C-alpha atoms as a PDB file:
ATOM      1  CA  MET A   1      -5.505 117.937 -11.379  1.00  0.00           C
ATOM      2  CA  GLY A   2      -8.351 118.515 -13.434  1.00  0.00           C
ATOM      3  CA  GLU A   3      -8.269 120.931 -16.660  1.00  0.00           C
ATOM      4  CA  SER A   4     -10.262 123.781 -17.096  1.00  0.00           C
ATOM      5  CA  ASP A   5     -10.980 126.264 -20.533  1.00  0.00           C
ATOM      6  CA  ASP A   6     -11.557 129.175 -17.583  1.00  0.00           C
ATOM      7  CA  PRO A   7      -8.438 131.092 -17.723  1.00  0.00           C
ATOM      8  CA  GLY A   8      -6.756 131.457 -14.277  1.00  0.00           C
ATOM      9  CA  SER A   9      -8.573 128.558 -12.741  1.00  0.00           C
ATOM     10  CA  ASN A  10      -6.250 126.008 -10.879  1.00  0.00           C
ATOM     11  CA  GLY A  11      -3.374 128.830 -10.935  1.00  0.00           C
ATOM     12  CA  GLU A  12      -3.103 128.096 -14.508  1.00  0.00           C
ATOM     13  CA  GLN A  13      -4.366 130.672 -17.371  1.00  0.00           C
ATOM     14  CA  VAL A  14      -5.554 129.756 -20.742  1.00  0.00           C
ATOM     15  CA  VAL A  15      -5.534 131.536 -23.717  1.00  0.00           C
ATOM     16  CA  GLU A  16      -7.505 130.138 -26.719  1.00  0.00           C
ATOM     17  CA  ARG A  17      -7.999 131.568 -30.408  1.00  0.00           C
ATOM     18  CA  GLN A  18     -11.369 133.936 -30.705  1.00  0.00           C
ATOM     19  CA  GLY A  19     -11.616 134.822 -26.582  1.00  0.00           C
ATOM     20  CA  THR A  20     -11.808 138.247 -25.871  1.00  0.00           C
ATOM     21  CA  TYR A  21      -9.986 139.727 -22.851  1.00  0.00           C
ATOM     22  CA  ASP A  22      -8.979 142.874 -21.116  1.00  0.00           C
ATOM     23  CA  HIS A  23      -5.460 143.734 -22.230  1.00  0.00           C
ATOM     24  CA  GLU A  24      -3.305 146.525 -19.450  1.00  0.00           C
ATOM     25  CA  ARG A  25      -2.692 148.762 -22.415  1.00  0.00           C
ATOM     26  CA  HIS A  26      -5.053 147.732 -25.412  1.00  0.00           C
ATOM     27  CA  GLY A  27      -8.271 147.345 -23.094  1.00  0.00           C
ATOM     28  CA  GLU A  28     -10.495 144.376 -24.778  1.00  0.00           C
ATOM     29  CA  VAL A  29      -8.587 142.050 -27.481  1.00  0.00           C
ATOM     30  CA  GLU A  30      -9.945 139.103 -29.329  1.00  0.00           C
ATOM     31  CA  VAL A  31      -6.871 136.617 -30.210  1.00  0.00           C
ATOM     32  CA  THR A  32      -6.795 136.002 -33.458  1.00  0.00           C
ATOM     33  CA  GLY A  33      -4.063 133.244 -33.642  1.00  0.00           C
ATOM     34  CA  ILE A  34      -1.556 131.549 -31.347  1.00  0.00           C
ATOM     35  CA  TRP A  35       1.659 130.334 -32.899  1.00  0.00           C
ATOM     36  CA  LYS A  36       4.448 127.819 -32.112  1.00  0.00           C
ATOM     37  CA  GLY A  37       7.131 128.346 -34.142  1.00  0.00           C
ATOM     38  CA  VAL A  38       5.983 128.062 -37.639  1.00  0.00           C
ATOM     39  CA  GLU A  39       2.949 126.201 -36.815  1.00  0.00           C
ATOM     40  CA  GLU A  40      -0.516 127.521 -35.717  1.00  0.00           C
ATOM     41  CA  VAL A  41      -2.489 126.128 -32.566  1.00  0.00           C
ATOM     42  CA  ASP A  42      -5.941 126.231 -31.435  1.00  0.00           C
ATOM     43  CA  GLY A  43      -5.084 127.333 -27.387  1.00  0.00           C
ATOM     44  CA  THR A  44      -2.389 126.753 -25.290  1.00  0.00           C
ATOM     45  CA  ARG A  45      -2.072 126.688 -21.754  1.00  0.00           C
ATOM     46  CA  ASP A  46       0.600 128.805 -19.570  1.00  0.00           C
ATOM     47  CA  ALA A  47       3.380 126.094 -18.969  1.00  0.00           C
ATOM     48  CA  ASN A  48       6.565 125.769 -18.456  1.00  0.00           C
ATOM     49  CA  GLU A  49       7.989 125.077 -21.827  1.00  0.00           C
ATOM     50  CA  ASN A  50      10.988 125.478 -23.995  1.00  0.00           C
ATOM     51  CA  ASP A  51       9.046 126.373 -27.101  1.00  0.00           C
ATOM     52  CA  VAL A  52       7.771 129.980 -27.472  1.00  0.00           C
ATOM     53  CA  TYR A  53       4.358 130.851 -28.225  1.00  0.00           C
ATOM     54  CA  ILE A  54       3.500 133.955 -30.079  1.00  0.00           C
ATOM     55  CA  VAL A  55      -0.312 135.562 -29.358  1.00  0.00           C
ATOM     56  CA  ARG A  56      -1.675 137.895 -32.310  1.00  0.00           C
ATOM     57  CA  TYR A  57      -4.688 139.621 -31.676  1.00  0.00           C
ATOM     58  CA  SER A  58      -6.958 142.538 -32.411  1.00  0.00           C
ATOM     59  CA  THR A  59      -8.291 145.363 -30.812  1.00  0.00           C
ATOM     60  CA  GLU A  60     -10.016 148.607 -32.079  1.00  0.00           C
ATOM     61  CA  GLU A  61      -8.686 151.739 -31.377  1.00  0.00           C
ATOM     62  CA  ASP A  62     -10.486 155.794 -32.533  1.00  0.00           C
ATOM     63  CA  GLY A  63     -13.572 153.338 -34.033  1.00  0.00           C
ATOM     64  CA  ARG A  64     -11.545 151.625 -35.712  1.00  0.00           C
ATOM     65  CA  GLU A  65      -9.456 147.570 -35.976  1.00  0.00           C
ATOM     66  CA  VAL A  66      -6.164 147.762 -34.939  1.00  0.00           C
ATOM     67  CA  ASP A  67      -4.793 143.750 -35.708  1.00  0.00           C
ATOM     68  CA  GLU A  68      -1.626 142.141 -35.809  1.00  0.00           C
ATOM     69  CA  LEU A  69      -0.537 142.856 -32.466  1.00  0.00           C
ATOM     70  CA  THR A  70       1.693 140.442 -31.148  1.00  0.00           C
ATOM     71  CA  ASP A  71       3.018 139.838 -27.522  1.00  0.00           C
ATOM     72  CA  THR A  72       4.825 135.967 -26.666  1.00  0.00           C
ATOM     73  CA  LEU A  73       2.543 134.197 -24.821  1.00  0.00           C
ATOM     74  CA  ASP A  74       4.454 135.283 -21.099  1.00  0.00           C
ATOM     75  CA  GLU A  75       4.277 139.213 -22.710  1.00  0.00           C
ATOM     76  CA  PHE A  76       0.145 139.183 -23.048  1.00  0.00           C
ATOM     77  CA  LEU A  77      -0.638 136.871 -19.935  1.00  0.00           C
ATOM     78  CA  GLU A  78       1.305 139.731 -18.063  1.00  0.00           C
ATOM     79  CA  ALA A  79      -0.532 142.295 -19.587  1.00  0.00           C
ATOM     80  CA  LEU A  80      -4.293 140.638 -19.058  1.00  0.00           C
ATOM     81  CA  GLU A  81      -5.842 142.139 -16.229  1.00  0.00           C
END
């Protein structure tokens, strides 16, 4: 199975730092960080791993930037439209 940077390709979703995504609750969001434990990573693929990934993202509400929104990777992927 070849790898692709396209979310949803081959049944896998890719989330990348500085990528923009359509979040069902917050609208368009930009990923500002991805964390595994205490280490920051540049991207991650939805995989059956024991480690928990945390996705930090920002959006705009009422013309103001809202940052420091966080979800686990699984929660974030479930919220993508």
